[in-house]
Structures are given as C-alpha cells and as structure tokens.
Amino acid sequence: MKIVDIKKVENCFDGDFVFKYLFDAGWTHSEIIHMEMLGDLRYYQSFPRPMFQVTCSDGTVIKGVENDPECRIIFPRENPTSARKNFEARFG
C-alpha cells in the first residue's frame, strides 16, 4: 500500500497531531493482521464494518476500517515529527 494523500484533521481535540491518510488500496484482512508487528493491535472483526486500532511503540495510534483506503493517525505529543516520518517511510 502506498500513501496517495495526507490531510490534517481540523476541529478536533489534539488537532495538531491528527492526520487522515489515503492509500492506493483498501486495508485487507492480512494487512491489518500484519500491523501487529508495529505494536498493540486491536481488531474488531465482528463489527458490521470490521475496524482496527494499533498503538505503536512510539505512541502513534493508527485507526482504520477493513477495505477502506484511508486511516486516521494520531501522532504522539512527544516527537511527533519523528513518528510521522517513520510512519510515512513505512508506507511511502
């Protein structure tokens, strides 16, 4: 999966650290499971629209929905620039 667009999320708490990433394809089940290597994965497969949340070791939180080509990323308050670069390098 490759990043095709990035938008800062406005009008929300912690807005300086929240971004919406659009990818060239939707999140597949196997890609979601593979995200476990980044940190603590919570995968709610039984939901009508299965969703996931990953809390990475650097404090970054990734939230998305299976088959949706976007996700919301909340970068940590401490060193958000480094966390953003790491995330974008992984999917760039």
N, C-alpha and C. Protein backbone atom coordinates (compact mmCIF):
# COMPACT_ATOMS: atom_id res chain seq x y z
N MET A 1 0.84 -1.18 0.00
CA MET A 1 0.00 0.00 0.00
C MET A 1 0.89 1.24 0.00
N LYS A 2 0.47 2.21 -0.77
CA LYS A 2 1.21 3.46 -0.87
C LYS A 2 0.30 4.63 -0.49
N ILE A 3 0.87 5.62 0.17
CA ILE A 3 0.14 6.83 0.54
C ILE A 3 -0.08 7.67 -0.71
N VAL A 4 -1.33 8.11 -0.94
CA VAL A 4 -1.63 8.97 -2.08
C VAL A 4 -2.07 10.37 -1.66
N ASP A 5 -2.48 10.55 -0.39
CA ASP A 5 -2.89 11.87 0.07
C ASP A 5 -2.83 11.91 1.60
N ILE A 6 -2.53 13.10 2.12
CA ILE A 6 -2.47 13.32 3.57
C ILE A 6 -3.20 14.61 3.86
N LYS A 7 -4.10 14.57 4.84
CA LYS A 7 -4.81 15.78 5.25
C LYS A 7 -4.77 15.90 6.76
N LYS A 8 -4.51 17.10 7.22
CA LYS A 8 -4.57 17.36 8.65
C LYS A 8 -6.03 17.43 9.06
N VAL A 9 -6.37 16.77 10.16
CA VAL A 9 -7.75 16.76 10.64
C VAL A 9 -7.94 18.00 11.51
N GLU A 10 -8.86 18.84 11.11
CA GLU A 10 -9.15 20.08 11.83
C GLU A 10 -10.33 19.88 12.76
N ASN A 11 -10.49 20.81 13.68
CA ASN A 11 -11.65 20.85 14.59
C ASN A 11 -11.78 19.61 15.45
N CYS A 12 -10.69 19.11 15.93
CA CYS A 12 -10.77 18.00 16.87
C CYS A 12 -9.73 18.22 17.96
N PHE A 13 -9.97 17.61 19.09
CA PHE A 13 -9.02 17.66 20.19
C PHE A 13 -7.71 17.05 19.70
N ASP A 14 -6.61 17.66 20.05
CA ASP A 14 -5.28 17.21 19.59
C ASP A 14 -5.11 17.36 18.08
N GLY A 15 -5.78 18.34 17.48
CA GLY A 15 -5.75 18.54 16.03
C GLY A 15 -4.38 18.68 15.43
N ASP A 16 -3.41 19.17 16.21
CA ASP A 16 -2.05 19.33 15.68
C ASP A 16 -1.38 18.00 15.42
N PHE A 17 -1.91 16.94 15.97
CA PHE A 17 -1.25 15.63 15.88
C PHE A 17 -2.06 14.60 15.10
N VAL A 18 -3.23 14.99 14.57
CA VAL A 18 -4.14 14.04 13.92
C VAL A 18 -4.17 14.28 12.41
N PHE A 19 -3.94 13.20 11.65
CA PHE A 19 -3.93 13.28 10.19
C PHE A 19 -4.76 12.14 9.60
N LYS A 20 -5.32 12.40 8.43
CA LYS A 20 -6.02 11.36 7.69
C LYS A 20 -5.15 11.02 6.48
N TYR A 21 -4.85 9.73 6.35
CA TYR A 21 -4.02 9.24 5.24
C TYR A 21 -4.90 8.45 4.28
N LEU A 22 -4.75 8.72 3.00
CA LEU A 22 -5.46 7.99 1.95
C LEU A 22 -4.43 7.13 1.22
N PHE A 23 -4.77 5.86 1.03
CA PHE A 23 -3.88 4.91 0.37
C PHE A 23 -4.42 4.52 -1.01
N ASP A 24 -3.59 3.87 -1.79
CA ASP A 24 -3.98 3.46 -3.15
C ASP A 24 -4.85 2.20 -3.15
N ALA A 25 -5.11 1.61 -1.99
CA ALA A 25 -5.95 0.41 -1.88
C ALA A 25 -6.54 0.36 -0.47
N GLY A 26 -7.58 -0.44 -0.31
CA GLY A 26 -8.20 -0.60 1.00
C GLY A 26 -7.41 -1.56 1.88
N TRP A 27 -7.63 -1.47 3.18
CA TRP A 27 -6.97 -2.35 4.15
C TRP A 27 -7.55 -3.75 4.05
N THR A 28 -6.72 -4.72 3.72
CA THR A 28 -7.17 -6.11 3.67
C THR A 28 -6.98 -6.75 5.04
N HIS A 29 -7.64 -7.88 5.23
CA HIS A 29 -7.52 -8.62 6.49
C HIS A 29 -6.05 -8.93 6.79
N SER A 30 -5.33 -9.42 5.80
CA SER A 30 -3.93 -9.80 6.03
C SER A 30 -3.05 -8.59 6.35
N GLU A 31 -3.31 -7.45 5.71
CA GLU A 31 -2.53 -6.24 6.03
C GLU A 31 -2.81 -5.77 7.44
N ILE A 32 -4.05 -5.88 7.87
CA ILE A 32 -4.41 -5.49 9.23
C ILE A 32 -3.68 -6.39 10.24
N ILE A 33 -3.72 -7.69 10.03
CA ILE A 33 -3.05 -8.63 10.93
C ILE A 33 -1.54 -8.35 10.95
N HIS A 34 -0.98 -8.01 9.81
CA HIS A 34 0.45 -7.72 9.71
C HIS A 34 0.83 -6.47 10.52
N MET A 35 -0.12 -5.58 10.78
CA MET A 35 0.14 -4.36 11.56
C MET A 35 0.52 -4.68 13.00
N GLU A 36 0.27 -5.91 13.42
CA GLU A 36 0.61 -6.32 14.78
C GLU A 36 2.11 -6.16 15.06
N MET A 37 2.92 -6.21 14.02
CA MET A 37 4.36 -6.05 14.22
C MET A 37 4.73 -4.63 14.65
N LEU A 38 3.80 -3.67 14.48
CA LEU A 38 4.08 -2.29 14.87
C LEU A 38 3.78 -2.02 16.34
N GLY A 39 2.96 -2.87 16.97
CA GLY A 39 2.61 -2.65 18.37
C GLY A 39 1.37 -3.43 18.76
N ASP A 40 0.58 -2.84 19.64
CA ASP A 40 -0.62 -3.49 20.17
C ASP A 40 -1.78 -3.34 19.18
N LEU A 41 -2.17 -4.44 18.55
CA LEU A 41 -3.26 -4.44 17.57
C LEU A 41 -4.57 -4.84 18.24
N ARG A 42 -5.58 -4.04 18.01
CA ARG A 42 -6.95 -4.40 18.40
C ARG A 42 -7.75 -4.45 17.12
N TYR A 43 -8.29 -5.63 16.83
CA TYR A 43 -9.01 -5.86 15.58
C TYR A 43 -10.41 -6.33 15.92
N TYR A 44 -11.40 -5.57 15.51
CA TYR A 44 -12.80 -5.85 15.82
C TYR A 44 -13.47 -6.42 14.57
N GLN A 45 -13.17 -7.68 14.29
CA GLN A 45 -13.63 -8.35 13.08
C GLN A 45 -15.14 -8.58 13.08
N SER A 46 -15.75 -8.66 14.26
CA SER A 46 -17.18 -8.96 14.32
C SER A 46 -18.07 -7.73 14.09
N PHE A 47 -17.49 -6.54 14.01
CA PHE A 47 -18.27 -5.34 13.75
C PHE A 47 -18.85 -5.41 12.33
N PRO A 48 -19.98 -4.74 12.08
CA PRO A 48 -20.54 -4.71 10.72
C PRO A 48 -19.52 -4.22 9.68
N ARG A 49 -18.71 -3.26 10.08
CA ARG A 49 -17.57 -2.81 9.27
C ARG A 49 -16.33 -3.04 10.14
N PRO A 50 -15.65 -4.18 9.96
CA PRO A 50 -14.51 -4.51 10.83
C PRO A 50 -13.49 -3.37 10.92
N MET A 51 -13.13 -3.02 12.12
CA MET A 51 -12.18 -1.92 12.31
C MET A 51 -10.97 -2.40 13.10
N PHE A 52 -9.91 -1.60 13.03
CA PHE A 52 -8.70 -1.92 13.77
C PHE A 52 -8.11 -0.67 14.39
N GLN A 53 -7.32 -0.90 15.41
CA GLN A 53 -6.56 0.18 16.05
C GLN A 53 -5.22 -0.41 16.48
N VAL A 54 -4.15 0.29 16.13
CA VAL A 54 -2.81 -0.14 16.51
C VAL A 54 -2.18 0.98 17.33
N THR A 55 -1.69 0.62 18.50
CA THR A 55 -0.91 1.56 19.30
C THR A 55 0.54 1.14 19.16
N CYS A 56 1.30 1.97 18.46
CA CYS A 56 2.70 1.65 18.15
C CYS A 56 3.59 1.92 19.36
N SER A 57 4.78 1.36 19.32
CA SER A 57 5.72 1.50 20.43
C SER A 57 6.13 2.96 20.67
N ASP A 58 6.08 3.81 19.65
CA ASP A 58 6.44 5.22 19.82
C ASP A 58 5.25 6.08 20.26
N GLY A 59 4.08 5.47 20.46
CA GLY A 59 2.90 6.20 20.90
C GLY A 59 1.94 6.58 19.80
N THR A 60 2.31 6.35 18.56
CA THR A 60 1.42 6.62 17.42
C THR A 60 0.23 5.67 17.47
N VAL A 61 -0.97 6.20 17.17
CA VAL A 61 -2.18 5.38 17.13
C VAL A 61 -2.71 5.41 15.70
N ILE A 62 -2.95 4.24 15.14
CA ILE A 62 -3.46 4.08 13.78
C ILE A 62 -4.85 3.47 13.88
N LYS A 63 -5.84 4.14 13.27
CA LYS A 63 -7.21 3.64 13.30
C LYS A 63 -7.74 3.54 11.88
N GLY A 64 -8.39 2.43 11.57
CA GLY A 64 -8.93 2.26 10.23
C GLY A 64 -10.03 1.22 10.19
N VAL A 65 -10.60 1.07 9.00
CA VAL A 65 -11.69 0.12 8.76
C VAL A 65 -11.27 -0.79 7.62
N GLU A 66 -11.53 -2.08 7.79
CA GLU A 66 -11.18 -3.06 6.76
C GLU A 66 -11.83 -2.67 5.43
N ASN A 67 -11.09 -2.78 4.35
CA ASN A 67 -11.49 -2.48 2.97
C ASN A 67 -11.62 -0.99 2.68
N ASP A 68 -11.36 -0.13 3.64
CA ASP A 68 -11.39 1.31 3.44
C ASP A 68 -9.98 1.77 3.10
N PRO A 69 -9.79 2.63 2.11
CA PRO A 69 -8.44 3.03 1.72
C PRO A 69 -7.84 4.15 2.56
N GLU A 70 -8.49 4.52 3.67
CA GLU A 70 -7.92 5.58 4.49
C GLU A 70 -7.81 5.13 5.94
N CYS A 71 -7.05 5.89 6.70
CA CYS A 71 -6.97 5.65 8.13
C CYS A 71 -6.64 6.97 8.81
N ARG A 72 -6.89 7.00 10.09
CA ARG A 72 -6.61 8.18 10.91
C ARG A 72 -5.40 7.85 11.77
N ILE A 73 -4.47 8.78 11.79
CA ILE A 73 -3.24 8.60 12.55
C ILE A 73 -3.15 9.70 13.60
N ILE A 74 -2.91 9.31 14.83
CA ILE A 74 -2.70 10.27 15.91
C ILE A 74 -1.26 10.10 16.35
N PHE A 75 -0.46 11.12 16.08
CA PHE A 75 0.95 11.06 16.44
C PHE A 75 1.15 11.51 17.88
N PRO A 76 2.17 11.00 18.55
CA PRO A 76 2.40 11.34 19.97
C PRO A 76 2.81 12.80 20.12
N ARG A 77 2.49 13.36 21.26
CA ARG A 77 2.88 14.75 21.55
C ARG A 77 4.39 14.89 21.64
N GLU A 78 5.04 13.85 22.15
CA GLU A 78 6.50 13.86 22.23
C GLU A 78 7.07 13.37 20.91
N ASN A 79 7.80 14.22 20.25
CA ASN A 79 8.47 13.88 19.00
C ASN A 79 7.51 13.45 17.87
N PRO A 80 6.47 14.24 17.59
CA PRO A 80 5.53 13.87 16.53
C PRO A 80 6.16 13.87 15.13
N THR A 81 7.14 14.73 14.91
CA THR A 81 7.77 14.81 13.59
C THR A 81 8.49 13.51 13.25
N SER A 82 9.23 12.98 14.21
CA SER A 82 9.94 11.72 14.00
C SER A 82 8.96 10.58 13.78
N ALA A 83 7.89 10.53 14.58
CA ALA A 83 6.89 9.47 14.43
C ALA A 83 6.22 9.55 13.06
N ARG A 84 5.93 10.74 12.60
CA ARG A 84 5.31 10.92 11.28
C ARG A 84 6.25 10.45 10.17
N LYS A 85 7.51 10.82 10.26
CA LYS A 85 8.49 10.39 9.26
C LYS A 85 8.60 8.87 9.22
N ASN A 86 8.62 8.24 10.39
CA ASN A 86 8.70 6.77 10.45
C ASN A 86 7.49 6.12 9.80
N PHE A 87 6.30 6.63 10.10
CA PHE A 87 5.08 6.08 9.52
C PHE A 87 5.10 6.23 8.00
N GLU A 88 5.41 7.43 7.53
CA GLU A 88 5.41 7.69 6.09
C GLU A 88 6.49 6.91 5.36
N ALA A 89 7.61 6.66 6.00
CA ALA A 89 8.68 5.85 5.38
C ALA A 89 8.21 4.41 5.21
N ARG A 90 7.41 3.91 6.15
CA ARG A 90 6.93 2.53 6.09
C ARG A 90 5.94 2.35 4.95
N PHE A 91 5.13 3.37 4.67
CA PHE A 91 4.09 3.25 3.64
C PHE A 91 4.33 4.13 2.42
N GLY A 92 5.44 4.85 2.42
CA GLY A 92 5.73 5.78 1.31
C GLY A 92 6.12 5.05 0.09
